[in-house]
């Protein structure tokens, strides 16, 4: 993913947070993956191996796209909360974000 698209994704995620369309935190995100509410999930590149594995396994089981693109510091900057895991709940935001990431 190029830097322009990366910045666009970061901006979209910040907007989604302000619009109340993100779920943040490991347990809440897993619960929303199970309920099929999370459309896209992000896990920090510097999250623990256990956390990354747990989120990726849940995501693949429930067929939710999962990305490891940002560090915890970048996620904190985007959404204004120190988090390692978050999910996008809105289908519109999720579709645009996937388009930008996958090119």
PDB file of N, CA and C in Angstrom:
ATOM      1  N   UNK A   1       0.851  -1.179   0.000  1.00  0.00           N
ATOM      2  CA  UNK A   1       0.000   0.000   0.000  1.00  0.00           C
ATOM      3  C   UNK A   1       0.893   1.237   0.000  1.00  0.00           C
ATOM      4  N   UNK A   2       0.590   2.171  -0.899  1.00  0.00           N
ATOM      5  CA  UNK A   2       1.424   3.375  -0.969  1.00  0.00           C
ATOM      6  C   UNK A   2       1.092   4.349   0.161  1.00  0.00           C
ATOM      7  N   UNK A   3       1.952   5.357   0.338  1.00  0.00           N
ATOM      8  CA  UNK A   3       1.796   6.277   1.467  1.00  0.00           C
ATOM      9  C   UNK A   3       0.534   7.135   1.361  1.00  0.00           C
ATOM     10  N   UNK A   4       0.126   7.478   0.137  1.00  0.00           N
ATOM     11  CA  UNK A   4      -1.093   8.281  -0.033  1.00  0.00           C
ATOM     12  C   UNK A   4      -2.295   7.486   0.454  1.00  0.00           C
ATOM     13  N   UNK A   5      -2.416   6.232   0.004  1.00  0.00           N
ATOM     14  CA  UNK A   5      -3.535   5.393   0.435  1.00  0.00           C
ATOM     15  C   UNK A   5      -3.467   5.109   1.930  1.00  0.00           C
ATOM     16  N   UNK A   6      -2.266   4.924   2.440  1.00  0.00           N
ATOM     17  CA  UNK A   6      -2.091   4.678   3.879  1.00  0.00           C
ATOM     18  C   UNK A   6      -2.647   5.859   4.674  1.00  0.00           C
ATOM     19  N   UNK A   7      -2.319   7.073   4.218  1.00  0.00           N
ATOM     20  CA  UNK A   7      -2.806   8.279   4.893  1.00  0.00           C
ATOM     21  C   UNK A   7      -4.329   8.388   4.769  1.00  0.00           C
ATOM     22  N   UNK A   8      -4.872   8.026   3.605  1.00  0.00           N
ATOM     23  CA  UNK A   8      -6.325   8.063   3.399  1.00  0.00           C
ATOM     24  C   UNK A   8      -7.028   7.086   4.344  1.00  0.00           C
ATOM     25  N   UNK A   9      -6.440   5.897   4.506  1.00  0.00           N
ATOM     26  CA  UNK A   9      -7.014   4.896   5.422  1.00  0.00           C
ATOM     27  C   UNK A   9      -6.991   5.441   6.850  1.00  0.00           C
ATOM     28  N   UNK A  10      -5.877   6.052   7.242  1.00  0.00           N
ATOM     29  CA  UNK A  10      -5.763   6.611   8.588  1.00  0.00           C
ATOM     30  C   UNK A  10      -6.821   7.703   8.806  1.00  0.00           C
ATOM     31  N   UNK A  11      -7.009   8.557   7.794  1.00  0.00           N
ATOM     32  CA  UNK A  11      -8.012   9.623   7.898  1.00  0.00           C
ATOM     33  C   UNK A  11      -9.424   9.046   8.002  1.00  0.00           C
ATOM     34  N   UNK A  12      -9.698   8.031   7.183  1.00  0.00           N
ATOM     35  CA  UNK A  12     -11.021   7.390   7.216  1.00  0.00           C
ATOM     36  C   UNK A  12     -11.289   6.748   8.577  1.00  0.00           C
ATOM     37  N   UNK A  13     -10.280   6.109   9.138  1.00  0.00           N
ATOM     38  CA  UNK A  13     -10.448   5.464  10.440  1.00  0.00           C
ATOM     39  C   UNK A  13     -10.694   6.491  11.542  1.00  0.00           C
ATOM     40  N   UNK A  14     -10.031   7.636  11.455  1.00  0.00           N
ATOM     41  CA  UNK A  14     -10.271   8.718  12.413  1.00  0.00           C
ATOM     42  C   UNK A  14     -11.698   9.232  12.290  1.00  0.00           C
ATOM     43  N   UNK A  15     -12.158   9.376  11.052  1.00  0.00           N
ATOM     44  CA  UNK A  15     -13.529   9.825  10.785  1.00  0.00           C
ATOM     45  C   UNK A  15     -14.545   8.806  11.311  1.00  0.00           C
ATOM     46  N   UNK A  16     -14.264   7.517  11.067  1.00  0.00           N
ATOM     47  CA  UNK A  16     -15.151   6.451  11.544  1.00  0.00           C
ATOM     48  C   UNK A  16     -15.242   6.474  13.070  1.00  0.00           C
ATOM     49  N   UNK A  17     -14.123   6.750  13.726  1.00  0.00           N
ATOM     50  CA  UNK A  17     -14.112   6.814  15.192  1.00  0.00           C
ATOM     51  C   UNK A  17     -15.016   7.945  15.667  1.00  0.00           C
ATOM     52  N   UNK A  18     -14.878   9.121  15.035  1.00  0.00           N
ATOM     53  CA  UNK A  18     -15.696  10.264  15.435  1.00  0.00           C
ATOM     54  C   UNK A  18     -17.172  10.017  15.139  1.00  0.00           C
ATOM     55  N   UNK A  19     -17.445   9.206  14.117  1.00  0.00           N
ATOM     56  CA  UNK A  19     -18.831   8.892  13.753  1.00  0.00           C
ATOM     57  C   UNK A  19     -19.407   7.765  14.620  1.00  0.00           C
ATOM     58  N   UNK A  20     -18.571   7.207  15.492  1.00  0.00           N
ATOM     59  CA  UNK A  20     -19.039   6.133  16.375  1.00  0.00           C
ATOM     60  C   UNK A  20     -19.192   4.800  15.663  1.00  0.00           C
ATOM     61  N   UNK A  21     -18.405   4.583  14.614  1.00  0.00           N
ATOM     62  CA  UNK A  21     -18.515   3.362  13.816  1.00  0.00           C
ATOM     63  C   UNK A  21     -17.376   2.381  14.056  1.00  0.00           C
ATOM     64  N   UNK A  22     -16.606   2.591  15.128  1.00  0.00           N
ATOM     65  CA  UNK A  22     -15.526   1.663  15.466  1.00  0.00           C
ATOM     66  C   UNK A  22     -15.814   1.010  16.812  1.00  0.00           C
ATOM     67  N   UNK A  23     -15.352  -0.218  16.946  1.00  0.00           N
ATOM     68  CA  UNK A  23     -15.346  -0.881  18.249  1.00  0.00           C
ATOM     69  C   UNK A  23     -13.871  -1.045  18.597  1.00  0.00           C
ATOM     70  N   UNK A  24     -13.490  -0.666  19.828  1.00  0.00           N
ATOM     71  CA  UNK A  24     -12.074  -0.725  20.182  1.00  0.00           C
ATOM     72  C   UNK A  24     -11.856  -1.651  21.372  1.00  0.00           C
ATOM     73  N   UNK A  25     -10.677  -2.226  21.416  1.00  0.00           N
ATOM     74  CA  UNK A  25     -10.332  -3.145  22.492  1.00  0.00           C
ATOM     75  C   UNK A  25     -10.521  -4.585  22.045  1.00  0.00           C
ATOM     76  N   UNK A  26      -9.680  -5.444  22.582  1.00  0.00           N
ATOM     77  CA  UNK A  26      -9.641  -6.853  22.148  1.00  0.00           C
ATOM     78  C   UNK A  26     -10.960  -7.585  22.392  1.00  0.00           C
ATOM     79  N   UNK A  27     -11.466  -7.547  23.621  1.00  0.00           N
ATOM     80  CA  UNK A  27     -12.666  -8.331  23.958  1.00  0.00           C
ATOM     81  C   UNK A  27     -13.904  -7.840  23.220  1.00  0.00           C
ATOM     82  N   UNK A  28     -14.097  -6.524  23.167  1.00  0.00           N
ATOM     83  CA  UNK A  28     -15.268  -5.967  22.466  1.00  0.00           C
ATOM     84  C   UNK A  28     -15.207  -6.275  20.972  1.00  0.00           C
ATOM     85  N   UNK A  29     -14.012  -6.198  20.402  1.00  0.00           N
ATOM     86  CA  UNK A  29     -13.850  -6.487  18.977  1.00  0.00           C
ATOM     87  C   UNK A  29     -14.167  -7.956  18.697  1.00  0.00           C
ATOM     88  N   UNK A  30     -13.666  -8.866  19.537  1.00  0.00           N
ATOM     89  CA  UNK A  30     -13.947 -10.300  19.366  1.00  0.00           C
ATOM     90  C   UNK A  30     -15.449 -10.558  19.462  1.00  0.00           C
ATOM     91  N   UNK A  31     -16.102  -9.899  20.414  1.00  0.00           N
ATOM     92  CA  UNK A  31     -17.557 -10.070  20.566  1.00  0.00           C
ATOM     93  C   UNK A  31     -18.287  -9.628  19.298  1.00  0.00           C
ATOM     94  N   UNK A  32     -17.855  -8.515  18.705  1.00  0.00           N
ATOM     95  CA  UNK A  32     -18.504  -8.023  17.481  1.00  0.00           C
ATOM     96  C   UNK A  32     -18.146  -8.862  16.257  1.00  0.00           C
ATOM     97  N   UNK A  33     -16.982  -9.506  16.265  1.00  0.00           N
ATOM     98  CA  UNK A  33     -16.650 -10.442  15.178  1.00  0.00           C
ATOM     99  C   UNK A  33     -17.618 -11.618  15.263  1.00  0.00           C
ATOM    100  N   UNK A  34     -17.821 -12.135  16.477  1.00  0.00           N
ATOM    101  CA  UNK A  34     -18.739 -13.263  16.678  1.00  0.00           C
ATOM    102  C   UNK A  34     -20.162 -12.922  16.252  1.00  0.00           C
ATOM    103  N   UNK A  35     -20.584 -11.679  16.537  1.00  0.00           N
ATOM    104  CA  UNK A  35     -21.949 -11.257  16.202  1.00  0.00           C
ATOM    105  C   UNK A  35     -22.078 -10.832  14.746  1.00  0.00           C
ATOM    106  N   UNK A  36     -20.977 -10.948  13.977  1.00  0.00           N
ATOM    107  CA  UNK A  36     -20.956 -10.567  12.564  1.00  0.00           C
ATOM    108  C   UNK A  36     -21.198  -9.068  12.371  1.00  0.00           C
ATOM    109  N   UNK A  37     -20.861  -8.268  13.385  1.00  0.00           N
ATOM    110  CA  UNK A  37     -21.032  -6.816  13.285  1.00  0.00           C
ATOM    111  C   UNK A  37     -19.784  -6.147  12.720  1.00  0.00           C
ATOM    112  N   UNK A  38     -18.610  -6.677  13.059  1.00  0.00           N
ATOM    113  CA  UNK A  38     -17.356  -6.095  12.577  1.00  0.00           C
ATOM    114  C   UNK A  38     -17.175  -6.458  11.109  1.00  0.00           C
ATOM    115  N   UNK A  39     -16.922  -5.442  10.281  1.00  0.00           N
ATOM    116  CA  UNK A  39     -16.754  -5.666   8.836  1.00  0.00           C
ATOM    117  C   UNK A  39     -15.282  -5.805   8.459  1.00  0.00           C
ATOM    118  N   UNK A  40     -14.423  -5.091   9.177  1.00  0.00           N
ATOM    119  CA  UNK A  40     -12.972  -5.142   8.981  1.00  0.00           C
ATOM    120  C   UNK A  40     -12.342  -5.013  10.363  1.00  0.00           C
ATOM    121  N   UNK A  41     -11.266  -5.764  10.595  1.00  0.00           N
ATOM    122  CA  UNK A  41     -10.586  -5.715  11.892  1.00  0.00           C
ATOM    123  C   UNK A  41      -9.121  -5.348  11.691  1.00  0.00           C
ATOM    124  N   UNK A  42      -8.605  -4.542  12.600  1.00  0.00           N
ATOM    125  CA  UNK A  42      -7.193  -4.162  12.576  1.00  0.00           C
ATOM    126  C   UNK A  42      -6.551  -4.583  13.885  1.00  0.00           C
ATOM    127  N   UNK A  43      -5.339  -5.097  13.785  1.00  0.00           N
ATOM    128  CA  UNK A  43      -4.563  -5.443  14.977  1.00  0.00           C
ATOM    129  C   UNK A  43      -3.189  -4.791  14.819  1.00  0.00           C
ATOM    130  N   UNK A  44      -2.673  -4.233  15.904  1.00  0.00           N
ATOM    131  CA  UNK A  44      -1.395  -3.509  15.854  1.00  0.00           C
ATOM    132  C   UNK A  44      -0.253  -4.452  15.479  1.00  0.00           C
ATOM    133  N   UNK A  45       0.687  -3.924  14.707  1.00  0.00           N
ATOM    134  CA  UNK A  45       1.850  -4.720  14.303  1.00  0.00           C
ATOM    135  C   UNK A  45       2.702  -5.076  15.516  1.00  0.00           C
ATOM    136  N   UNK A  46       2.622  -4.247  16.562  1.00  0.00           N
ATOM    137  CA  UNK A  46       3.429  -4.503  17.763  1.00  0.00           C
ATOM    138  C   UNK A  46       2.613  -5.122  18.906  1.00  0.00           C
ATOM    139  N   UNK A  47       1.431  -5.658  18.581  1.00  0.00           N
ATOM    140  CA  UNK A  47       0.652  -6.394  19.589  1.00  0.00           C
ATOM    141  C   UNK A  47       1.360  -7.718  19.865  1.00  0.00           C
ATOM    142  N   UNK A  48       1.051  -8.343  20.991  1.00  0.00           N
ATOM    143  CA  UNK A  48       1.709  -9.602  21.333  1.00  0.00           C
ATOM    144  C   UNK A  48       1.324 -10.695  20.332  1.00  0.00           C
ATOM    145  N   UNK A  49       2.172 -11.689  20.199  1.00  0.00           N
ATOM    146  CA  UNK A  49       1.907 -12.805  19.271  1.00  0.00           C
ATOM    147  C   UNK A  49       0.574 -13.471  19.602  1.00  0.00           C
ATOM    148  N   UNK A  50       0.312 -13.631  20.898  1.00  0.00           N
ATOM    149  CA  UNK A  50      -0.921 -14.262  21.346  1.00  0.00           C
ATOM    150  C   UNK A  50      -2.152 -13.466  20.888  1.00  0.00           C
ATOM    151  N   UNK A  51      -2.108 -12.152  21.081  1.00  0.00           N
ATOM    152  CA  UNK A  51      -3.222 -11.280  20.680  1.00  0.00           C
ATOM    153  C   UNK A  51      -3.419 -11.330  19.169  1.00  0.00           C
ATOM    154  N   UNK A  52      -2.314 -11.213  18.424  1.00  0.00           N
ATOM    155  CA  UNK A  52      -2.417 -11.235  16.954  1.00  0.00           C
ATOM    156  C   UNK A  52      -3.010 -12.560  16.482  1.00  0.00           C
ATOM    157  N   UNK A  53      -2.557 -13.672  17.065  1.00  0.00           N
ATOM    158  CA  UNK A  53      -3.055 -14.982  16.663  1.00  0.00           C
ATOM    159  C   UNK A  53      -4.545 -15.113  16.986  1.00  0.00           C
ATOM    160  N   UNK A  54      -4.935 -14.692  18.195  1.00  0.00           N
ATOM    161  CA  UNK A  54      -6.329 -14.802  18.617  1.00  0.00           C
ATOM    162  C   UNK A  54      -7.253 -14.024  17.669  1.00  0.00           C
ATOM    163  N   UNK A  55      -6.870 -12.795  17.360  1.00  0.00           N
ATOM    164  CA  UNK A  55      -7.700 -11.946  16.494  1.00  0.00           C
ATOM    165  C   UNK A  55      -7.744 -12.500  15.073  1.00  0.00           C
ATOM    166  N   UNK A  56      -6.588 -12.920  14.557  1.00  0.00           N
ATOM    167  CA  UNK A  56      -6.548 -13.467  13.188  1.00  0.00           C
ATOM    168  C   UNK A  56      -7.357 -14.758  13.077  1.00  0.00           C
ATOM    169  N   UNK A  57      -7.261 -15.621  14.085  1.00  0.00           N
ATOM    170  CA  UNK A  57      -8.015 -16.874  14.069  1.00  0.00           C
ATOM    171  C   UNK A  57      -9.522 -16.606  14.087  1.00  0.00           C
ATOM    172  N   UNK A  58      -9.962 -15.711  14.983  1.00  0.00           N
ATOM    173  CA  UNK A  58     -11.393 -15.359  15.050  1.00  0.00           C
ATOM    174  C   UNK A  58     -11.850 -14.766  13.723  1.00  0.00           C
ATOM    175  N   UNK A  59     -11.042 -13.852  13.188  1.00  0.00           N
ATOM    176  CA  UNK A  59     -11.405 -13.183  11.935  1.00  0.00           C
ATOM    177  C   UNK A  59     -11.534 -14.170  10.788  1.00  0.00           C
ATOM    178  N   UNK A  60     -10.585 -15.083  10.672  1.00  0.00           N
ATOM    179  CA  UNK A  60     -10.650 -16.026   9.554  1.00  0.00           C
ATOM    180  C   UNK A  60     -11.811 -16.998   9.734  1.00  0.00           C
ATOM    181  N   UNK A  61     -12.101 -17.404  10.971  1.00  0.00           N
ATOM    182  CA  UNK A  61     -13.217 -18.314  11.223  1.00  0.00           C
ATOM    183  C   UNK A  61     -14.549 -17.676  10.824  1.00  0.00           C
ATOM    184  N   UNK A  62     -14.713 -16.400  11.177  1.00  0.00           N
ATOM    185  CA  UNK A  62     -15.966 -15.702  10.862  1.00  0.00           C
ATOM    186  C   UNK A  62     -15.897 -14.941   9.527  1.00  0.00           C
ATOM    187  N   UNK A  63     -14.802 -15.155   8.788  1.00  0.00           N
ATOM    188  CA  UNK A  63     -14.603 -14.550   7.469  1.00  0.00           C
ATOM    189  C   UNK A  63     -14.678 -13.018   7.478  1.00  0.00           C
ATOM    190  N   UNK A  64     -13.972 -12.435   8.440  1.00  0.00           N
ATOM    191  CA  UNK A  64     -13.865 -10.979   8.535  1.00  0.00           C
ATOM    192  C   UNK A  64     -12.435 -10.603   8.146  1.00  0.00           C
ATOM    193  N   UNK A  65     -12.259  -9.684   7.180  1.00  0.00           N
ATOM    194  CA  UNK A  65     -10.893  -9.291   6.794  1.00  0.00           C
ATOM    195  C   UNK A  65     -10.143  -8.696   7.994  1.00  0.00           C
ATOM    196  N   UNK A  66      -8.903  -9.134   8.166  1.00  0.00           N
ATOM    197  CA  UNK A  66      -8.078  -8.662   9.282  1.00  0.00           C
ATOM    198  C   UNK A  66      -6.758  -8.121   8.732  1.00  0.00           C
ATOM    199  N   UNK A  67      -6.384  -6.923   9.155  1.00  0.00           N
ATOM    200  CA  UNK A  67      -5.158  -6.297   8.647  1.00  0.00           C
ATOM    201  C   UNK A  67      -4.224  -5.933   9.782  1.00  0.00           C
ATOM    202  N   UNK A  68      -2.922  -6.077   9.502  1.00  0.00           N
ATOM    203  CA  UNK A  68      -1.859  -5.639  10.415  1.00  0.00           C
ATOM    204  C   UNK A  68      -1.062  -4.583   9.683  1.00  0.00           C
ATOM    205  N   UNK A  69      -1.478  -3.323   9.816  1.00  0.00           N
ATOM    206  CA  UNK A  69      -0.828  -2.258   9.053  1.00  0.00           C
ATOM    207  C   UNK A  69      -0.207  -1.182   9.920  1.00  0.00           C
ATOM    208  N   UNK A  70      -0.757  -0.995  11.109  1.00  0.00           N
ATOM    209  CA  UNK A  70      -0.354   0.143  11.924  1.00  0.00           C
ATOM    210  C   UNK A  70       0.178  -0.313  13.277  1.00  0.00           C
ATOM    211  N   UNK A  71       1.102   0.490  13.818  1.00  0.00           N
ATOM    212  CA  UNK A  71       1.615   0.210  15.163  1.00  0.00           C
ATOM    213  C   UNK A  71       0.612   0.743  16.182  1.00  0.00           C
ATOM    214  N   UNK A  72       0.808   0.362  17.431  1.00  0.00           N
ATOM    215  CA  UNK A  72      -0.084   0.847  18.489  1.00  0.00           C
ATOM    216  C   UNK A  72      -0.055   2.377  18.555  1.00  0.00           C
ATOM    217  N   UNK A  73       1.127   2.965  18.360  1.00  0.00           N
ATOM    218  CA  UNK A  73       1.256   4.430  18.399  1.00  0.00           C
ATOM    219  C   UNK A  73       0.432   5.082  17.287  1.00  0.00           C
ATOM    220  N   UNK A  74       0.471   4.495  16.088  1.00  0.00           N
ATOM    221  CA  UNK A  74      -0.309   5.046  14.971  1.00  0.00           C
ATOM    222  C   UNK A  74      -1.810   4.904  15.226  1.00  0.00           C
ATOM    223  N   UNK A  75      -2.212   3.767  15.785  1.00  0.00           N
ATOM    224  CA  UNK A  75      -3.632   3.549  16.099  1.00  0.00           C
ATOM    225  C   UNK A  75      -4.086   4.567  17.145  1.00  0.00           C
ATOM    226  N   UNK A  76      -3.269   4.769  18.172  1.00  0.00           N
ATOM    227  CA  UNK A  76      -3.589   5.747  19.219  1.00  0.00           C
ATOM    228  C   UNK A  76      -3.763   7.136  18.607  1.00  0.00           C
ATOM    229  N   UNK A  77      -2.880   7.492  17.685  1.00  0.00           N
ATOM    230  CA  UNK A  77      -2.950   8.794  17.021  1.00  0.00           C
ATOM    231  C   UNK A  77      -4.238   8.909  16.194  1.00  0.00           C
ATOM    232  N   UNK A  78      -4.621   7.825  15.505  1.00  0.00           N
ATOM    233  CA  UNK A  78      -5.811   7.846  14.640  1.00  0.00           C
ATOM    234  C   UNK A  78      -7.101   7.958  15.423  1.00  0.00           C
ATOM    235  N   UNK A  79      -7.243   7.124  16.450  1.00  0.00           N
ATOM    236  CA  UNK A  79      -8.539   7.032  17.124  1.00  0.00           C
ATOM    237  C   UNK A  79      -8.579   7.740  18.478  1.00  0.00           C
ATOM    238  N   UNK A  80      -7.432   8.228  18.931  1.00  0.00           N
ATOM    239  CA  UNK A  80      -7.411   8.992  20.169  1.00  0.00           C
ATOM    240  C   UNK A  80      -7.453   8.160  21.439  1.00  0.00           C
ATOM    241  N   UNK A  81      -7.290   6.845  21.302  1.00  0.00           N
ATOM    242  CA  UNK A  81      -7.263   5.958  22.474  1.00  0.00           C
ATOM    243  C   UNK A  81      -6.131   4.964  22.293  1.00  0.00           C
ATOM    244  N   UNK A  82      -5.416   4.627  23.373  1.00  0.00           N
ATOM    245  CA  UNK A  82      -4.359   3.618  23.230  1.00  0.00           C
ATOM    246  C   UNK A  82      -4.965   2.217  23.089  1.00  0.00           C
ATOM    247  N   UNK A  83      -4.986   1.695  21.888  1.00  0.00           N
ATOM    248  CA  UNK A  83      -5.565   0.379  21.617  1.00  0.00           C
ATOM    249  C   UNK A  83      -4.650  -0.414  20.680  1.00  0.00           C
ATOM    250  N   UNK A  84      -4.744  -1.743  20.797  1.00  0.00           N
ATOM    251  CA  UNK A  84      -4.001  -2.624  19.890  1.00  0.00           C
ATOM    252  C   UNK A  84      -4.930  -3.280  18.881  1.00  0.00           C
ATOM    253  N   UNK A  85      -6.218  -3.323  19.189  1.00  0.00           N
ATOM    254  CA  UNK A  85      -7.192  -4.015  18.336  1.00  0.00           C
ATOM    255  C   UNK A  85      -8.437  -3.149  18.191  1.00  0.00           C
ATOM    256  N   UNK A  86      -8.935  -3.045  16.960  1.00  0.00           N
ATOM    257  CA  UNK A  86     -10.223  -2.379  16.763  1.00  0.00           C
ATOM    258  C   UNK A  86     -10.879  -2.891  15.491  1.00  0.00           C
ATOM    259  N   UNK A  87     -12.182  -2.695  15.426  1.00  0.00           N
ATOM    260  CA  UNK A  87     -12.944  -3.148  14.267  1.00  0.00           C
ATOM    261  C   UNK A  87     -13.817  -2.036  13.723  1.00  0.00           C
ATOM    262  N   UNK A  88     -14.067  -2.081  12.409  1.00  0.00           N
ATOM    263  CA  UNK A  88     -14.945  -1.124  11.738  1.00  0.00           C
ATOM    264  C   UNK A  88     -16.326  -1.771  11.636  1.00  0.00           C
ATOM    265  N   UNK A  89     -17.350  -1.086  12.148  1.00  0.00           N
ATOM    266  CA  UNK A  89     -18.695  -1.650  12.182  1.00  0.00           C
ATOM    267  C   UNK A  89     -19.547  -1.234  10.979  1.00  0.00           C
ATOM    268  N   UNK A  90     -19.177  -0.146  10.323  1.00  0.00           N
ATOM    269  CA  UNK A  90     -19.981   0.380   9.223  1.00  0.00           C
ATOM    270  C   UNK A  90     -19.549  -0.210   7.889  1.00  0.00           C
ATOM    271  N   UNK A  91     -20.506  -0.730   7.121  1.00  0.00           N
ATOM    272  CA  UNK A  91     -20.204  -1.383   5.838  1.00  0.00           C
ATOM    273  C   UNK A  91     -19.605  -0.404   4.831  1.00  0.00           C
ATOM    274  N   UNK A  92     -20.066   0.832   4.821  1.00  0.00           N
ATOM    275  CA  UNK A  92     -19.551   1.840   3.884  1.00  0.00           C
ATOM    276  C   UNK A  92     -18.084   2.159   4.138  1.00  0.00           C
ATOM    277  N   UNK A  93     -17.758   2.442   5.402  1.00  0.00           N
ATOM    278  CA  UNK A  93     -16.357   2.709   5.770  1.00  0.00           C
ATOM    279  C   UNK A  93     -15.495   1.489   5.440  1.00  0.00           C
ATOM    280  N   UNK A  94     -15.986   0.302   5.799  1.00  0.00           N
ATOM    281  CA  UNK A  94     -15.219  -0.935   5.599  1.00  0.00           C
ATOM    282  C   UNK A  94     -14.915  -1.155   4.115  1.00  0.00           C
ATOM    283  N   UNK A  95     -15.910  -0.919   3.264  1.00  0.00           N
ATOM    284  CA  UNK A  95     -15.739  -1.129   1.818  1.00  0.00           C
ATOM    285  C   UNK A  95     -14.651  -0.202   1.279  1.00  0.00           C
ATOM    286  N   UNK A  96     -14.710   1.081   1.641  1.00  0.00           N
ATOM    287  CA  UNK A  96     -13.734   2.068   1.154  1.00  0.00           C
ATOM    288  C   UNK A  96     -12.337   1.741   1.671  1.00  0.00           C
ATOM    289  N   UNK A  97     -12.250   1.356   2.943  1.00  0.00           N
ATOM    290  CA  UNK A  97     -10.952   1.036   3.543  1.00  0.00           C
ATOM    291  C   UNK A  97     -10.325  -0.174   2.839  1.00  0.00           C
ATOM    292  N   UNK A  98     -11.128  -1.213   2.581  1.00  0.00           N
ATOM    293  CA  UNK A  98     -10.621  -2.408   1.884  1.00  0.00           C
ATOM    294  C   UNK A  98     -10.144  -2.052   0.474  1.00  0.00           C
ATOM    295  N   UNK A  99     -10.902  -1.190  -0.218  1.00  0.00           N
ATOM    296  CA  UNK A  99     -10.502  -0.760  -1.571  1.00  0.00           C
ATOM    297  C   UNK A  99      -9.136  -0.079  -1.533  1.00  0.00           C
ATOM    298  N   UNK A 100      -8.942   0.833  -0.570  1.00  0.00           N
ATOM    299  CA  UNK A 100      -7.675   1.555  -0.471  1.00  0.00           C
ATOM    300  C   UNK A 100      -6.518   0.623  -0.120  1.00  0.00           C
ATOM    301  N   UNK A 101      -6.751  -0.329   0.776  1.00  0.00           N
ATOM    302  CA  UNK A 101      -5.690  -1.239   1.204  1.00  0.00           C
ATOM    303  C   UNK A 101      -5.321  -2.214   0.085  1.00  0.00           C
ATOM    304  N   UNK A 102      -6.337  -2.775  -0.556  1.00  0.00           N
ATOM    305  CA  UNK A 102      -6.081  -3.790  -1.576  1.00  0.00           C
ATOM    306  C   UNK A 102      -5.769  -3.194  -2.945  1.00  0.00           C
ATOM    307  N   UNK A 103      -5.845  -1.893  -3.047  1.00  0.00           N
ATOM    308  CA  UNK A 103      -5.500  -1.211  -4.291  1.00  0.00           C
ATOM    309  C   UNK A 103      -6.594  -1.330  -5.300  1.00  0.00           C
TER     310      UNK A 103
END
